[in-house]
Amino acid sequence: MFRAWRVLAIVALITTAACAVNISEPSAPEAQATAVRRTAQADVQRIIAGNLSGTPTPESTSTPAPTCHGAIWWNEAQAHLGERRTVQGPIVHNRPGGGTATILEIGQPFPDPNGILVVVPSGSVDALVGRTVCVTGRIAARSGMPTIEEEAANIVVVN
């Protein structure tokens, strides 16, 4: 019995001490920090629960059509392997292609597989770097990239 009174006395003492603590209104910065933490915690719980609210997708902007008649953009060439097409795009680099050939890199520089290589006879193609051109020919795969091997007469400078 003595033991029960002792436990009861300890519980009463703790309860009295807890009630004596002054709980005041949190200040504005503390309240704001608490609200931010609660919002972040709610977001984490929502994500864990699988209730994802996606980021709104911006409206797509239309890609202008190539200026050459019937042309496709350089980044579409990979999908047209084996076809004879006109491809439009900017020449980003040129380099010797061995023998009397020069390789023009359109869209992306080699070895990026999204670009396209155009093999032309050597000549004054240095002036074409930075210009947009249309090239007509059969699109084949070479070095893992779409490639057109045609005469320089099939190159039309757009700008």
N, C-alpha and C. Protein backbone atom coordinates (compact mmCIF):
# COMPACT_ATOMS: atom_id res chain seq x y z
N MET A 1 0.82 -1.18 0.00
CA MET A 1 0.00 0.00 0.00
C MET A 1 0.87 1.25 0.00
N PHE A 2 1.96 1.17 0.77
CA PHE A 2 2.88 2.29 0.81
C PHE A 2 3.41 2.58 -0.59
N ARG A 3 3.62 1.53 -1.32
CA ARG A 3 4.15 1.67 -2.66
C ARG A 3 3.14 2.36 -3.57
N ALA A 4 1.88 2.06 -3.49
CA ALA A 4 0.85 2.68 -4.31
C ALA A 4 0.75 4.17 -4.01
N TRP A 5 0.85 4.55 -2.73
CA TRP A 5 0.81 5.97 -2.38
C TRP A 5 2.01 6.69 -2.97
N ARG A 6 3.13 6.06 -2.95
CA ARG A 6 4.34 6.69 -3.49
C ARG A 6 4.20 6.93 -5.00
N VAL A 7 3.70 5.95 -5.74
CA VAL A 7 3.49 6.10 -7.19
C VAL A 7 2.47 7.20 -7.45
N LEU A 8 1.40 7.22 -6.69
CA LEU A 8 0.37 8.24 -6.85
C LEU A 8 0.93 9.62 -6.56
N ALA A 9 1.78 9.74 -5.60
CA ALA A 9 2.39 11.03 -5.27
C ALA A 9 3.30 11.50 -6.40
N ILE A 10 4.05 10.59 -6.99
CA ILE A 10 4.95 10.96 -8.10
C ILE A 10 4.14 11.41 -9.30
N VAL A 11 3.07 10.71 -9.59
CA VAL A 11 2.23 11.09 -10.73
C VAL A 11 1.61 12.46 -10.48
N ALA A 12 1.15 12.72 -9.30
CA ALA A 12 0.56 14.02 -8.98
C ALA A 12 1.61 15.13 -9.10
N LEU A 13 2.81 14.86 -8.67
CA LEU A 13 3.89 15.85 -8.75
C LEU A 13 4.21 16.17 -10.21
N ILE A 14 4.28 15.15 -11.05
CA ILE A 14 4.58 15.37 -12.47
C ILE A 14 3.45 16.13 -13.13
N THR A 15 2.22 15.78 -12.82
CA THR A 15 1.07 16.47 -13.39
C THR A 15 1.05 17.93 -12.98
N THR A 16 1.34 18.22 -11.74
CA THR A 16 1.37 19.60 -11.26
C THR A 16 2.47 20.38 -11.96
N ALA A 17 3.61 19.77 -12.19
CA ALA A 17 4.73 20.44 -12.85
C ALA A 17 4.39 20.72 -14.31
N ALA A 18 3.72 19.77 -14.94
CA ALA A 18 3.37 19.95 -16.35
C ALA A 18 2.34 21.06 -16.50
N CYS A 19 1.42 21.16 -15.58
CA CYS A 19 0.39 22.19 -15.66
C CYS A 19 0.95 23.56 -15.33
N ALA A 20 2.04 23.60 -14.64
CA ALA A 20 2.62 24.87 -14.24
C ALA A 20 3.42 25.52 -15.36
N VAL A 21 3.75 24.76 -16.44
CA VAL A 21 4.53 25.31 -17.54
C VAL A 21 3.69 26.34 -18.26
N ASN A 22 4.28 27.49 -18.54
CA ASN A 22 3.57 28.58 -19.21
C ASN A 22 3.58 28.33 -20.72
N ILE A 23 2.44 27.98 -21.27
CA ILE A 23 2.32 27.77 -22.70
C ILE A 23 1.72 29.04 -23.27
N SER A 24 2.53 29.75 -24.04
CA SER A 24 2.07 31.01 -24.61
C SER A 24 1.90 30.86 -26.12
N GLU A 25 1.30 31.85 -26.71
CA GLU A 25 1.12 31.88 -28.16
C GLU A 25 2.50 31.95 -28.82
N PRO A 26 2.74 31.15 -29.86
CA PRO A 26 4.03 31.26 -30.55
C PRO A 26 4.11 32.59 -31.29
N SER A 27 5.31 33.09 -31.40
CA SER A 27 5.49 34.36 -32.12
C SER A 27 5.27 34.11 -33.61
N ALA A 28 5.12 35.18 -34.36
CA ALA A 28 4.82 35.07 -35.78
C ALA A 28 5.87 34.25 -36.54
N PRO A 29 7.18 34.49 -36.35
CA PRO A 29 8.16 33.67 -37.09
C PRO A 29 8.09 32.19 -36.72
N GLU A 30 7.86 31.91 -35.42
CA GLU A 30 7.75 30.51 -35.00
C GLU A 30 6.51 29.86 -35.61
N ALA A 31 5.40 30.58 -35.63
CA ALA A 31 4.17 30.05 -36.21
C ALA A 31 4.34 29.80 -37.71
N GLN A 32 5.03 30.72 -38.38
CA GLN A 32 5.25 30.57 -39.82
C GLN A 32 6.14 29.36 -40.09
N ALA A 33 7.20 29.19 -39.29
CA ALA A 33 8.09 28.04 -39.47
C ALA A 33 7.33 26.74 -39.24
N THR A 34 6.45 26.73 -38.25
CA THR A 34 5.65 25.53 -37.98
C THR A 34 4.73 25.24 -39.15
N ALA A 35 4.11 26.26 -39.72
CA ALA A 35 3.23 26.08 -40.86
C ALA A 35 3.99 25.54 -42.07
N VAL A 36 5.20 26.03 -42.27
CA VAL A 36 6.03 25.56 -43.39
C VAL A 36 6.38 24.08 -43.19
N ARG A 37 6.77 23.74 -41.97
CA ARG A 37 7.10 22.34 -41.67
C ARG A 37 5.90 21.44 -41.88
N ARG A 38 4.73 21.88 -41.43
CA ARG A 38 3.53 21.07 -41.59
C ARG A 38 3.17 20.90 -43.07
N THR A 39 3.32 21.96 -43.84
CA THR A 39 3.04 21.88 -45.28
C THR A 39 4.00 20.92 -45.95
N ALA A 40 5.28 21.01 -45.61
CA ALA A 40 6.28 20.12 -46.20
C ALA A 40 5.99 18.67 -45.81
N GLN A 41 5.64 18.45 -44.56
CA GLN A 41 5.34 17.11 -44.09
C GLN A 41 4.11 16.56 -44.81
N ALA A 42 3.11 17.40 -45.02
CA ALA A 42 1.90 16.96 -45.72
C ALA A 42 2.24 16.61 -47.18
N ASP A 43 3.13 17.39 -47.80
CA ASP A 43 3.54 17.09 -49.18
C ASP A 43 4.25 15.74 -49.25
N VAL A 44 5.14 15.49 -48.31
CA VAL A 44 5.86 14.22 -48.29
C VAL A 44 4.89 13.06 -48.09
N GLN A 45 3.95 13.21 -47.18
CA GLN A 45 2.98 12.15 -46.93
C GLN A 45 2.10 11.91 -48.16
N ARG A 46 1.75 12.98 -48.87
CA ARG A 46 0.94 12.86 -50.07
C ARG A 46 1.71 12.12 -51.15
N ILE A 47 3.00 12.41 -51.30
CA ILE A 47 3.82 11.74 -52.31
C ILE A 47 4.00 10.26 -51.96
N ILE A 48 4.27 9.97 -50.70
CA ILE A 48 4.43 8.58 -50.27
C ILE A 48 3.14 7.80 -50.51
N ALA A 49 2.01 8.44 -50.30
CA ALA A 49 0.72 7.78 -50.50
C ALA A 49 0.39 7.59 -51.98
N GLY A 50 1.19 8.20 -52.85
CA GLY A 50 0.96 8.05 -54.28
C GLY A 50 0.00 9.05 -54.86
N ASN A 51 -0.36 10.06 -54.10
CA ASN A 51 -1.26 11.10 -54.59
C ASN A 51 -0.41 12.21 -55.21
N LEU A 52 0.07 11.95 -56.40
CA LEU A 52 0.96 12.91 -57.04
C LEU A 52 0.14 13.95 -57.80
N SER A 53 0.49 15.17 -57.61
CA SER A 53 -0.11 16.22 -58.42
C SER A 53 1.00 16.70 -59.34
N GLY A 54 0.87 16.38 -60.60
CA GLY A 54 1.91 16.68 -61.57
C GLY A 54 2.08 18.16 -61.80
N THR A 55 3.27 18.50 -62.24
CA THR A 55 3.55 19.87 -62.63
C THR A 55 2.77 20.14 -63.91
N PRO A 56 2.09 21.27 -63.99
CA PRO A 56 1.33 21.53 -65.21
C PRO A 56 2.26 21.59 -66.43
N THR A 57 1.86 20.91 -67.47
CA THR A 57 2.65 20.89 -68.70
C THR A 57 2.38 22.16 -69.49
N PRO A 58 3.45 22.87 -69.86
CA PRO A 58 3.23 24.08 -70.64
C PRO A 58 2.70 23.72 -72.02
N GLU A 59 1.97 24.63 -72.59
CA GLU A 59 1.43 24.39 -73.92
C GLU A 59 2.59 24.31 -74.90
N SER A 60 2.49 23.35 -75.80
CA SER A 60 3.59 23.17 -76.75
C SER A 60 3.55 24.29 -77.79
N THR A 61 4.74 24.63 -78.21
CA THR A 61 4.85 25.62 -79.29
C THR A 61 5.04 24.84 -80.58
N SER A 62 4.41 25.29 -81.59
CA SER A 62 4.50 24.56 -82.85
C SER A 62 5.86 24.80 -83.50
N THR A 63 6.40 23.75 -84.08
CA THR A 63 7.66 23.85 -84.80
C THR A 63 7.35 24.34 -86.20
N PRO A 64 8.03 25.38 -86.63
CA PRO A 64 7.74 25.86 -87.98
C PRO A 64 8.15 24.82 -89.02
N ALA A 65 7.49 24.83 -90.12
CA ALA A 65 7.81 23.90 -91.20
C ALA A 65 9.12 24.33 -91.85
N PRO A 66 9.90 23.37 -92.35
CA PRO A 66 11.12 23.75 -93.08
C PRO A 66 10.76 24.63 -94.27
N THR A 67 11.67 25.48 -94.64
CA THR A 67 11.40 26.41 -95.74
C THR A 67 11.58 25.78 -97.11
N CYS A 68 12.34 24.71 -97.22
CA CYS A 68 12.50 24.02 -98.50
C CYS A 68 11.29 23.12 -98.73
N HIS A 69 10.83 23.06 -99.96
CA HIS A 69 9.63 22.30 -100.31
C HIS A 69 9.83 20.82 -100.01
N GLY A 70 8.91 20.24 -99.21
CA GLY A 70 8.94 18.82 -98.91
C GLY A 70 10.06 18.38 -97.98
N ALA A 71 10.73 19.31 -97.34
CA ALA A 71 11.88 18.97 -96.49
C ALA A 71 11.43 18.51 -95.10
N ILE A 72 12.34 17.80 -94.44
CA ILE A 72 12.17 17.44 -93.04
C ILE A 72 13.29 18.12 -92.27
N TRP A 73 13.12 18.28 -90.96
CA TRP A 73 14.18 18.86 -90.15
C TRP A 73 15.26 17.82 -89.93
N TRP A 74 16.47 18.29 -89.66
CA TRP A 74 17.63 17.42 -89.46
C TRP A 74 17.42 16.39 -88.36
N ASN A 75 16.67 16.75 -87.30
CA ASN A 75 16.48 15.83 -86.18
C ASN A 75 15.46 14.74 -86.48
N GLU A 76 14.81 14.79 -87.64
CA GLU A 76 13.86 13.76 -88.05
C GLU A 76 14.49 12.74 -89.00
N ALA A 77 15.74 12.96 -89.40
CA ALA A 77 16.37 12.13 -90.43
C ALA A 77 16.52 10.68 -89.99
N GLN A 78 16.78 10.43 -88.71
CA GLN A 78 16.96 9.06 -88.21
C GLN A 78 15.74 8.19 -88.50
N ALA A 79 14.56 8.78 -88.50
CA ALA A 79 13.32 8.03 -88.74
C ALA A 79 13.08 7.77 -90.23
N HIS A 80 13.94 8.30 -91.10
CA HIS A 80 13.72 8.18 -92.55
C HIS A 80 14.90 7.49 -93.25
N LEU A 81 15.57 6.57 -92.54
CA LEU A 81 16.70 5.85 -93.14
C LEU A 81 16.22 5.07 -94.36
N GLY A 82 17.00 5.11 -95.42
CA GLY A 82 16.67 4.40 -96.65
C GLY A 82 15.81 5.20 -97.61
N GLU A 83 15.31 6.34 -97.18
CA GLU A 83 14.44 7.16 -98.04
C GLU A 83 15.25 8.27 -98.70
N ARG A 84 14.79 8.71 -99.87
CA ARG A 84 15.39 9.88 -100.52
C ARG A 84 14.56 11.08 -100.07
N ARG A 85 15.18 11.96 -99.30
CA ARG A 85 14.47 13.10 -98.71
C ARG A 85 15.33 14.35 -98.81
N THR A 86 14.68 15.49 -98.61
CA THR A 86 15.37 16.76 -98.46
C THR A 86 15.39 17.06 -96.97
N VAL A 87 16.58 17.32 -96.44
CA VAL A 87 16.77 17.58 -95.02
C VAL A 87 17.26 19.01 -94.85
N GLN A 88 16.65 19.73 -93.90
CA GLN A 88 17.04 21.11 -93.63
C GLN A 88 17.62 21.23 -92.23
N GLY A 89 18.68 22.02 -92.11
CA GLY A 89 19.27 22.26 -90.80
C GLY A 89 20.53 23.10 -90.89
N PRO A 90 21.03 23.55 -89.75
CA PRO A 90 22.24 24.38 -89.73
C PRO A 90 23.51 23.51 -89.79
N ILE A 91 24.49 23.97 -90.53
CA ILE A 91 25.78 23.29 -90.55
C ILE A 91 26.57 23.77 -89.34
N VAL A 92 26.90 22.84 -88.45
CA VAL A 92 27.59 23.20 -87.21
C VAL A 92 29.09 22.99 -87.28
N HIS A 93 29.53 22.16 -88.25
CA HIS A 93 30.97 21.88 -88.36
C HIS A 93 31.24 21.21 -89.69
N ASN A 94 32.47 21.33 -90.17
CA ASN A 94 32.87 20.54 -91.33
C ASN A 94 34.27 20.00 -91.07
N ARG A 95 34.61 18.88 -91.73
CA ARG A 95 35.91 18.27 -91.54
C ARG A 95 36.25 17.45 -92.78
N PRO A 96 37.53 17.17 -92.97
CA PRO A 96 37.92 16.34 -94.12
C PRO A 96 37.33 14.94 -93.98
N GLY A 97 36.91 14.38 -95.09
CA GLY A 97 36.29 13.07 -95.06
C GLY A 97 37.13 12.00 -95.69
N GLY A 98 38.36 12.30 -95.98
CA GLY A 98 39.22 11.32 -96.63
C GLY A 98 39.14 11.45 -98.13
N GLY A 99 40.27 11.40 -98.77
CA GLY A 99 40.30 11.56 -100.22
C GLY A 99 39.89 12.97 -100.61
N THR A 100 38.95 13.05 -101.51
CA THR A 100 38.50 14.35 -101.99
C THR A 100 37.13 14.72 -101.43
N ALA A 101 36.80 14.17 -100.29
CA ALA A 101 35.48 14.43 -99.70
C ALA A 101 35.60 15.33 -98.47
N THR A 102 34.52 16.03 -98.19
CA THR A 102 34.39 16.84 -96.98
C THR A 102 33.09 16.40 -96.30
N ILE A 103 33.13 16.33 -94.99
CA ILE A 103 31.94 15.94 -94.23
C ILE A 103 31.36 17.18 -93.56
N LEU A 104 30.09 17.46 -93.85
CA LEU A 104 29.36 18.54 -93.20
C LEU A 104 28.54 17.93 -92.07
N GLU A 105 28.59 18.53 -90.91
CA GLU A 105 27.80 18.04 -89.77
C GLU A 105 26.63 19.00 -89.57
N ILE A 106 25.43 18.46 -89.71
CA ILE A 106 24.22 19.28 -89.64
C ILE A 106 23.48 18.99 -88.33
N GLY A 107 23.07 20.04 -87.67
CA GLY A 107 22.26 19.93 -86.45
C GLY A 107 23.07 19.76 -85.19
N GLN A 108 23.79 18.65 -85.07
CA GLN A 108 24.63 18.35 -83.91
C GLN A 108 25.98 17.84 -84.41
N PRO A 109 27.07 18.21 -83.72
CA PRO A 109 28.38 17.74 -84.17
C PRO A 109 28.57 16.25 -83.90
N PHE A 110 29.38 15.61 -84.73
CA PHE A 110 29.73 14.20 -84.55
C PHE A 110 30.41 14.04 -83.21
N PRO A 111 30.14 13.06 -82.41
CA PRO A 111 29.45 11.80 -82.66
C PRO A 111 28.02 11.77 -82.16
N ASP A 112 27.39 12.91 -81.93
CA ASP A 112 26.00 12.92 -81.46
C ASP A 112 25.11 12.26 -82.51
N PRO A 113 24.41 11.17 -82.16
CA PRO A 113 23.60 10.45 -83.15
C PRO A 113 22.36 11.20 -83.60
N ASN A 114 22.08 12.35 -83.00
CA ASN A 114 20.91 13.12 -83.41
C ASN A 114 21.20 14.00 -84.62
N GLY A 115 22.47 14.26 -84.89
CA GLY A 115 22.84 15.08 -86.04
C GLY A 115 22.80 14.26 -87.31
N ILE A 116 23.18 14.88 -88.40
CA ILE A 116 23.24 14.19 -89.68
C ILE A 116 24.53 14.60 -90.38
N LEU A 117 25.18 13.63 -91.03
CA LEU A 117 26.41 13.88 -91.77
C LEU A 117 26.08 13.98 -93.24
N VAL A 118 26.72 14.93 -93.93
CA VAL A 118 26.55 15.05 -95.37
C VAL A 118 27.95 15.00 -95.98
N VAL A 119 28.18 14.00 -96.83
CA VAL A 119 29.47 13.84 -97.49
C VAL A 119 29.38 14.51 -98.85
N VAL A 120 30.25 15.50 -99.07
CA VAL A 120 30.26 16.25 -100.33
C VAL A 120 31.68 16.28 -100.87
N PRO A 121 31.82 16.51 -102.17
CA PRO A 121 33.17 16.67 -102.72
C PRO A 121 33.84 17.88 -102.08
N SER A 122 35.15 17.79 -101.90
CA SER A 122 35.88 18.91 -101.30
C SER A 122 35.72 20.16 -102.15
N GLY A 123 35.69 21.25 -101.48
CA GLY A 123 35.53 22.53 -102.15
C GLY A 123 35.49 23.62 -101.12
N SER A 124 34.92 24.72 -101.46
CA SER A 124 34.86 25.85 -100.53
C SER A 124 33.59 25.75 -99.68
N VAL A 125 33.56 24.77 -98.78
CA VAL A 125 32.40 24.60 -97.91
C VAL A 125 32.62 25.27 -96.56
N ASP A 126 33.81 25.84 -96.33
CA ASP A 126 34.07 26.53 -95.06
C ASP A 126 33.09 27.68 -94.86
N ALA A 127 32.67 28.31 -95.93
CA ALA A 127 31.75 29.44 -95.83
C ALA A 127 30.35 29.00 -95.41
N LEU A 128 30.07 27.71 -95.45
CA LEU A 128 28.73 27.21 -95.11
C LEU A 128 28.53 27.00 -93.61
N VAL A 129 29.59 26.93 -92.83
CA VAL A 129 29.45 26.69 -91.39
C VAL A 129 28.67 27.84 -90.77
N GLY A 130 27.62 27.48 -90.02
CA GLY A 130 26.75 28.48 -89.41
C GLY A 130 25.54 28.83 -90.26
N ARG A 131 25.52 28.38 -91.50
CA ARG A 131 24.40 28.65 -92.39
C ARG A 131 23.41 27.51 -92.35
N THR A 132 22.16 27.81 -92.66
CA THR A 132 21.13 26.78 -92.75
C THR A 132 21.01 26.35 -94.20
N VAL A 133 21.01 25.03 -94.41
CA VAL A 133 20.97 24.50 -95.77
C VAL A 133 19.90 23.43 -95.89
N CYS A 134 19.55 23.14 -97.14
CA CYS A 134 18.71 22.00 -97.47
C CYS A 134 19.54 21.08 -98.35
N VAL A 135 19.56 19.79 -98.00
CA VAL A 135 20.33 18.80 -98.74
C VAL A 135 19.38 17.69 -99.16
N THR A 136 19.44 17.33 -100.44
CA THR A 136 18.58 16.27 -100.95
C THR A 136 19.43 15.04 -101.25
N GLY A 137 18.93 13.88 -100.82
CA GLY A 137 19.64 12.63 -101.11
C GLY A 137 19.07 11.48 -100.31
N ARG A 138 19.63 10.30 -100.51
CA ARG A 138 19.20 9.10 -99.79
C ARG A 138 19.85 9.11 -98.42
N ILE A 139 19.04 8.90 -97.39
CA ILE A 139 19.52 8.90 -96.00
C ILE A 139 19.93 7.48 -95.65
N ALA A 140 21.19 7.32 -95.29
CA ALA A 140 21.73 6.01 -94.89
C ALA A 140 22.37 6.17 -93.51
N ALA A 141 22.66 5.03 -92.88
CA ALA A 141 23.33 5.06 -91.57
C ALA A 141 24.82 4.84 -91.79
N ARG A 142 25.64 5.71 -91.21
CA ARG A 142 27.09 5.60 -91.31
C ARG A 142 27.67 6.10 -90.00
N SER A 143 28.52 5.34 -89.39
CA SER A 143 29.13 5.69 -88.10
C SER A 143 28.07 5.94 -87.03
N GLY A 144 26.94 5.24 -87.14
CA GLY A 144 25.88 5.38 -86.15
C GLY A 144 25.05 6.64 -86.31
N MET A 145 25.25 7.36 -87.41
CA MET A 145 24.50 8.60 -87.65
C MET A 145 23.84 8.56 -89.02
N PRO A 146 22.72 9.27 -89.18
CA PRO A 146 22.16 9.39 -90.52
C PRO A 146 23.14 10.15 -91.40
N THR A 147 23.29 9.69 -92.63
CA THR A 147 24.26 10.28 -93.55
C THR A 147 23.66 10.41 -94.93
N ILE A 148 24.00 11.51 -95.59
CA ILE A 148 23.62 11.69 -97.00
C ILE A 148 24.92 11.86 -97.76
N GLU A 149 25.10 11.06 -98.82
CA GLU A 149 26.28 11.19 -99.67
C GLU A 149 25.80 11.65 -101.04
N GLU A 150 25.98 12.93 -101.30
CA GLU A 150 25.46 13.49 -102.54
C GLU A 150 26.43 14.53 -103.11
N GLU A 151 26.15 14.94 -104.31
CA GLU A 151 26.93 15.99 -104.95
C GLU A 151 26.61 17.34 -104.30
N ALA A 152 27.56 18.25 -104.34
CA ALA A 152 27.37 19.57 -103.76
C ALA A 152 26.24 20.34 -104.44
N ALA A 153 25.88 19.94 -105.65
CA ALA A 153 24.81 20.64 -106.37
C ALA A 153 23.46 20.43 -105.68
N ASN A 154 23.35 19.41 -104.81
CA ASN A 154 22.10 19.13 -104.13
C ASN A 154 21.98 19.91 -102.82
N ILE A 155 22.88 20.84 -102.56
CA ILE A 155 22.84 21.65 -101.34
C ILE A 155 22.33 23.04 -101.71
N VAL A 156 21.25 23.46 -101.01
CA VAL A 156 20.68 24.78 -101.22
C VAL A 156 20.84 25.57 -99.92
N VAL A 157 21.45 26.75 -100.00
CA VAL A 157 21.63 27.59 -98.80
C VAL A 157 20.34 28.36 -98.57
N VAL A 158 19.78 28.22 -97.36
CA VAL A 158 18.54 28.90 -96.99
C VAL A 158 18.83 30.29 -96.45
N ASN A 159 19.80 30.39 -95.57
CA ASN A 159 20.20 31.70 -95.03
C ASN A 159 21.65 31.71 -94.63
